[in-house]
Structure formats: C-alpha cells, structure tokens
Amino acid sequence: MNQLPVEVCEEIFKSLNLQGVLTARRTCRRWRQIVNGSPALMSRIHLKPPLSLMDRGMKPICSIPARGVTLKDTTVLTIDSWWESIGSELTFLRL
C-alpha cells in the first residue's frame, strides 16, 4: 500500500468504520499522516471524556488530535498542559 497515492489511501480509509480508521492511523507513520491530513477522516474523530469531573490530575483522554470534544454533563475545574495538544485541533466543542 506504500505504492498507492495518498488520495487512493484516503478513499480506502473512508470506507472504514471509526475503529478501523483509528487502527489504520496507528499502523505506521505514513498512514497516520494520511489520516491526520484528511479533514474528512479527522472530522469523524470525536472525544467524550468518561468522567463527569475534569481537574488538573486527570490523565489525557486521548493522544489523537480530535476535531471535536463533548463535555456535556462534565464539570471542568482545571486543566493541565495536556489540554493544549487536544484543544489546538478542535473545530467544535459541545458543552
């Protein structure tokens, strides 16, 4: 698959469900770059913290540069430096 153009790989990845896209993203550096560089694929990645309370001691919810986060029913007391890596890629935040 390393011989295929990026556009072809992206079209193949679009046929995957979300778990498949995340698995492909973890496969190799090239595939991660393809997924990360595709607005269509990245718009499918949405995070929702499993906790109802976020504070400084919370561990990162994910290392994936998600485009959306839902914080509905979540109380945010403080955030730590890990938020910068998640928040920098957001295009929407649902409260």
N, C-alpha and C. Protein backbone atom coordinates (compact mmCIF):
# COMPACT_ATOMS: atom_id res chain seq x y z
N MET A 1 0.82 -1.18 0.00
CA MET A 1 0.00 0.00 0.00
C MET A 1 0.87 1.26 0.00
N ASN A 2 2.16 1.10 0.26
CA ASN A 2 3.05 2.25 0.22
C ASN A 2 3.22 2.81 -1.18
N GLN A 3 2.86 2.03 -2.20
CA GLN A 3 2.98 2.48 -3.58
C GLN A 3 1.77 3.31 -4.02
N LEU A 4 0.68 3.21 -3.29
CA LEU A 4 -0.55 3.91 -3.68
C LEU A 4 -0.45 5.40 -3.36
N PRO A 5 -1.04 6.22 -4.21
CA PRO A 5 -1.08 7.66 -3.92
C PRO A 5 -1.89 7.94 -2.65
N VAL A 6 -1.57 9.04 -1.99
CA VAL A 6 -2.25 9.43 -0.76
C VAL A 6 -3.76 9.49 -0.97
N GLU A 7 -4.20 10.02 -2.10
CA GLU A 7 -5.63 10.17 -2.37
C GLU A 7 -6.34 8.83 -2.42
N VAL A 8 -5.68 7.81 -2.96
CA VAL A 8 -6.27 6.47 -3.03
C VAL A 8 -6.36 5.88 -1.63
N CYS A 9 -5.29 6.02 -0.85
CA CYS A 9 -5.32 5.52 0.53
C CYS A 9 -6.43 6.19 1.33
N GLU A 10 -6.57 7.49 1.15
CA GLU A 10 -7.62 8.22 1.86
C GLU A 10 -9.00 7.69 1.50
N GLU A 11 -9.24 7.42 0.24
CA GLU A 11 -10.54 6.88 -0.18
C GLU A 11 -10.77 5.50 0.43
N ILE A 12 -9.74 4.69 0.50
CA ILE A 12 -9.86 3.37 1.14
C ILE A 12 -10.19 3.54 2.62
N PHE A 13 -9.48 4.44 3.30
CA PHE A 13 -9.73 4.67 4.72
C PHE A 13 -11.13 5.21 4.98
N LYS A 14 -11.68 5.96 4.04
CA LYS A 14 -13.04 6.49 4.20
C LYS A 14 -14.08 5.38 4.27
N SER A 15 -13.75 4.22 3.71
CA SER A 15 -14.70 3.11 3.74
C SER A 15 -14.68 2.37 5.08
N LEU A 16 -13.70 2.68 5.93
CA LEU A 16 -13.58 2.02 7.23
C LEU A 16 -14.51 2.67 8.26
N ASN A 17 -14.90 1.88 9.26
CA ASN A 17 -15.62 2.47 10.38
C ASN A 17 -14.61 3.22 11.24
N LEU A 18 -15.09 3.92 12.26
CA LEU A 18 -14.20 4.75 13.07
C LEU A 18 -13.08 3.92 13.70
N GLN A 19 -13.40 2.76 14.23
CA GLN A 19 -12.36 1.92 14.84
C GLN A 19 -11.31 1.53 13.81
N GLY A 20 -11.73 1.24 12.60
CA GLY A 20 -10.79 0.91 11.53
C GLY A 20 -9.88 2.07 11.19
N VAL A 21 -10.44 3.28 11.16
CA VAL A 21 -9.63 4.48 10.89
C VAL A 21 -8.59 4.66 11.99
N LEU A 22 -9.01 4.49 13.24
CA LEU A 22 -8.07 4.64 14.35
C LEU A 22 -6.98 3.57 14.31
N THR A 23 -7.35 2.35 13.94
CA THR A 23 -6.37 1.27 13.80
C THR A 23 -5.40 1.57 12.67
N ALA A 24 -5.92 2.02 11.53
CA ALA A 24 -5.06 2.37 10.40
C ALA A 24 -4.09 3.47 10.81
N ARG A 25 -4.58 4.44 11.56
CA ARG A 25 -3.75 5.56 12.00
C ARG A 25 -2.57 5.10 12.85
N ARG A 26 -2.76 4.02 13.60
CA ARG A 26 -1.70 3.50 14.47
C ARG A 26 -0.76 2.54 13.75
N THR A 27 -1.05 2.21 12.50
CA THR A 27 -0.28 1.20 11.79
C THR A 27 1.14 1.66 11.44
N CYS A 28 1.26 2.83 10.88
CA CYS A 28 2.60 3.32 10.51
C CYS A 28 2.55 4.84 10.36
N ARG A 29 3.72 5.43 10.27
CA ARG A 29 3.82 6.89 10.19
C ARG A 29 3.09 7.44 8.96
N ARG A 30 3.24 6.80 7.82
CA ARG A 30 2.59 7.29 6.59
C ARG A 30 1.07 7.29 6.73
N TRP A 31 0.52 6.20 7.25
CA TRP A 31 -0.93 6.12 7.39
C TRP A 31 -1.43 7.15 8.41
N ARG A 32 -0.66 7.37 9.49
CA ARG A 32 -1.04 8.39 10.47
C ARG A 32 -1.08 9.76 9.80
N GLN A 33 -0.09 10.05 8.96
CA GLN A 33 -0.06 11.33 8.25
C GLN A 33 -1.23 11.46 7.29
N ILE A 34 -1.60 10.35 6.65
CA ILE A 34 -2.74 10.38 5.72
C ILE A 34 -4.03 10.68 6.48
N VAL A 35 -4.24 9.97 7.60
CA VAL A 35 -5.46 10.19 8.39
C VAL A 35 -5.45 11.61 8.97
N ASN A 36 -4.35 12.01 9.58
CA ASN A 36 -4.27 13.35 10.19
C ASN A 36 -4.43 14.46 9.16
N GLY A 37 -4.01 14.22 7.93
CA GLY A 37 -4.10 15.23 6.89
C GLY A 37 -5.41 15.27 6.15
N SER A 38 -6.33 14.38 6.51
CA SER A 38 -7.62 14.31 5.82
C SER A 38 -8.72 14.92 6.68
N PRO A 39 -9.24 16.09 6.32
CA PRO A 39 -10.34 16.67 7.08
C PRO A 39 -11.55 15.73 7.15
N ALA A 40 -11.81 14.99 6.08
CA ALA A 40 -12.96 14.08 6.07
C ALA A 40 -12.80 12.96 7.10
N LEU A 41 -11.60 12.43 7.24
CA LEU A 41 -11.37 11.37 8.21
C LEU A 41 -11.29 11.93 9.63
N MET A 42 -10.60 13.04 9.80
CA MET A 42 -10.43 13.60 11.14
C MET A 42 -11.73 14.14 11.71
N SER A 43 -12.65 14.56 10.86
CA SER A 43 -13.92 15.08 11.37
C SER A 43 -14.76 13.98 12.02
N ARG A 44 -14.41 12.73 11.76
CA ARG A 44 -15.14 11.60 12.36
C ARG A 44 -14.66 11.30 13.77
N ILE A 45 -13.50 11.85 14.16
CA ILE A 45 -12.93 11.55 15.47
C ILE A 45 -13.43 12.59 16.47
N HIS A 46 -14.18 12.12 17.43
CA HIS A 46 -14.84 12.97 18.42
C HIS A 46 -14.60 12.35 19.79
N LEU A 47 -14.16 13.12 20.75
CA LEU A 47 -13.85 12.60 22.08
C LEU A 47 -14.91 13.00 23.08
N LYS A 48 -15.19 12.08 24.00
CA LYS A 48 -16.06 12.37 25.13
C LYS A 48 -15.41 11.76 26.36
N PRO A 49 -14.92 12.60 27.27
CA PRO A 49 -14.27 12.06 28.47
C PRO A 49 -15.24 11.18 29.24
N PRO A 50 -14.75 10.07 29.79
CA PRO A 50 -15.63 9.16 30.52
C PRO A 50 -15.98 9.66 31.92
N LEU A 51 -15.34 10.72 32.35
CA LEU A 51 -15.56 11.22 33.71
C LEU A 51 -16.50 12.42 33.71
N SER A 52 -17.18 12.61 34.83
CA SER A 52 -18.06 13.77 34.94
C SER A 52 -17.35 14.96 35.57
N LEU A 53 -16.07 14.76 35.94
CA LEU A 53 -15.30 15.82 36.57
C LEU A 53 -13.90 15.86 35.97
N MET A 54 -13.50 17.01 35.46
CA MET A 54 -12.15 17.17 34.93
C MET A 54 -11.39 18.12 35.84
N ASP A 55 -10.21 17.67 36.27
CA ASP A 55 -9.36 18.56 37.06
C ASP A 55 -7.91 18.38 36.65
N ARG A 56 -7.04 19.07 37.32
CA ARG A 56 -5.62 19.08 36.96
C ARG A 56 -5.01 17.68 36.95
N GLY A 57 -5.46 16.79 37.81
CA GLY A 57 -4.87 15.46 37.92
C GLY A 57 -5.35 14.48 36.87
N MET A 58 -6.31 14.89 36.06
CA MET A 58 -6.84 13.97 35.04
C MET A 58 -5.79 13.65 33.99
N LYS A 59 -5.73 12.41 33.62
CA LYS A 59 -4.82 11.99 32.56
C LYS A 59 -5.44 12.35 31.21
N PRO A 60 -4.61 12.54 30.19
CA PRO A 60 -5.14 12.86 28.87
C PRO A 60 -6.19 11.85 28.42
N ILE A 61 -7.27 12.34 27.83
CA ILE A 61 -8.32 11.44 27.38
C ILE A 61 -7.92 10.71 26.12
N CYS A 62 -6.99 11.26 25.40
CA CYS A 62 -6.58 10.62 24.15
C CYS A 62 -5.42 11.40 23.54
N SER A 63 -4.58 10.70 22.81
CA SER A 63 -3.48 11.39 22.14
C SER A 63 -3.81 11.67 20.68
N ILE A 64 -5.03 11.38 20.29
CA ILE A 64 -5.46 11.61 18.91
C ILE A 64 -5.86 13.07 18.76
N PRO A 65 -5.41 13.73 17.71
CA PRO A 65 -5.80 15.13 17.51
C PRO A 65 -7.23 15.23 17.02
N ALA A 66 -8.17 15.05 17.93
CA ALA A 66 -9.59 15.06 17.58
C ALA A 66 -10.05 16.45 17.17
N ARG A 67 -11.09 16.48 16.35
CA ARG A 67 -11.66 17.75 15.91
C ARG A 67 -12.82 18.19 16.79
N GLY A 68 -13.35 17.26 17.59
CA GLY A 68 -14.48 17.61 18.44
C GLY A 68 -14.39 16.96 19.81
N VAL A 69 -14.90 17.66 20.81
CA VAL A 69 -14.95 17.14 22.18
C VAL A 69 -16.32 17.50 22.75
N THR A 70 -16.92 16.54 23.45
CA THR A 70 -18.17 16.78 24.15
C THR A 70 -17.90 16.79 25.64
N LEU A 71 -18.28 17.86 26.30
CA LEU A 71 -18.12 17.97 27.75
C LEU A 71 -19.47 18.13 28.43
N LYS A 72 -20.51 17.61 27.79
CA LYS A 72 -21.86 17.67 28.36
C LYS A 72 -21.87 16.87 29.66
N ASP A 73 -22.49 17.40 30.67
CA ASP A 73 -22.56 16.77 31.99
C ASP A 73 -21.19 16.57 32.61
N THR A 74 -20.22 17.39 32.22
CA THR A 74 -18.87 17.32 32.78
C THR A 74 -18.55 18.66 33.44
N THR A 75 -18.09 18.60 34.67
CA THR A 75 -17.64 19.79 35.37
C THR A 75 -16.15 19.94 35.17
N VAL A 76 -15.73 21.07 34.64
CA VAL A 76 -14.31 21.33 34.41
C VAL A 76 -13.81 22.25 35.51
N LEU A 77 -12.97 21.72 36.40
CA LEU A 77 -12.40 22.54 37.47
C LEU A 77 -11.12 23.22 37.00
N THR A 78 -10.20 22.44 36.52
CA THR A 78 -8.94 22.95 35.98
C THR A 78 -8.49 22.00 34.89
N ILE A 79 -7.59 22.48 34.06
CA ILE A 79 -6.99 21.61 33.05
C ILE A 79 -5.48 21.74 33.17
N ASP A 80 -4.80 20.77 32.62
CA ASP A 80 -3.35 20.76 32.70
C ASP A 80 -2.77 20.98 31.31
N SER A 81 -1.49 20.87 31.19
CA SER A 81 -0.81 21.16 29.93
C SER A 81 -1.22 20.23 28.79
N TRP A 82 -1.76 19.05 29.10
CA TRP A 82 -2.16 18.13 28.04
C TRP A 82 -3.32 18.70 27.21
N TRP A 83 -4.09 19.62 27.76
CA TRP A 83 -5.24 20.17 27.02
C TRP A 83 -4.79 20.89 25.76
N GLU A 84 -3.60 21.51 25.81
CA GLU A 84 -3.12 22.26 24.65
C GLU A 84 -3.01 21.37 23.42
N SER A 85 -2.52 20.14 23.60
CA SER A 85 -2.38 19.24 22.44
C SER A 85 -3.73 18.79 21.90
N ILE A 86 -4.73 18.70 22.75
CA ILE A 86 -6.06 18.30 22.30
C ILE A 86 -6.81 19.52 21.76
N GLY A 87 -6.79 20.59 22.52
CA GLY A 87 -7.55 21.78 22.16
C GLY A 87 -7.09 22.48 20.90
N SER A 88 -5.83 22.32 20.55
CA SER A 88 -5.30 23.05 19.39
C SER A 88 -5.91 22.59 18.07
N GLU A 89 -6.46 21.40 18.02
CA GLU A 89 -7.03 20.86 16.78
C GLU A 89 -8.55 20.91 16.73
N LEU A 90 -9.18 21.39 17.78
CA LEU A 90 -10.64 21.37 17.84
C LEU A 90 -11.28 22.31 16.84
N THR A 91 -12.35 21.83 16.24
CA THR A 91 -13.18 22.69 15.40
C THR A 91 -14.56 22.87 16.02
N PHE A 92 -14.89 22.01 17.01
CA PHE A 92 -16.12 22.25 17.77
C PHE A 92 -16.00 21.66 19.17
N LEU A 93 -16.69 22.30 20.07
CA LEU A 93 -16.72 21.90 21.47
C LEU A 93 -18.18 21.92 21.90
N ARG A 94 -18.68 20.79 22.34
CA ARG A 94 -20.08 20.68 22.77
C ARG A 94 -20.10 20.67 24.29
N LEU A 95 -20.84 21.60 24.87
CA LEU A 95 -20.93 21.70 26.33
C LEU A 95 -22.30 21.28 26.81
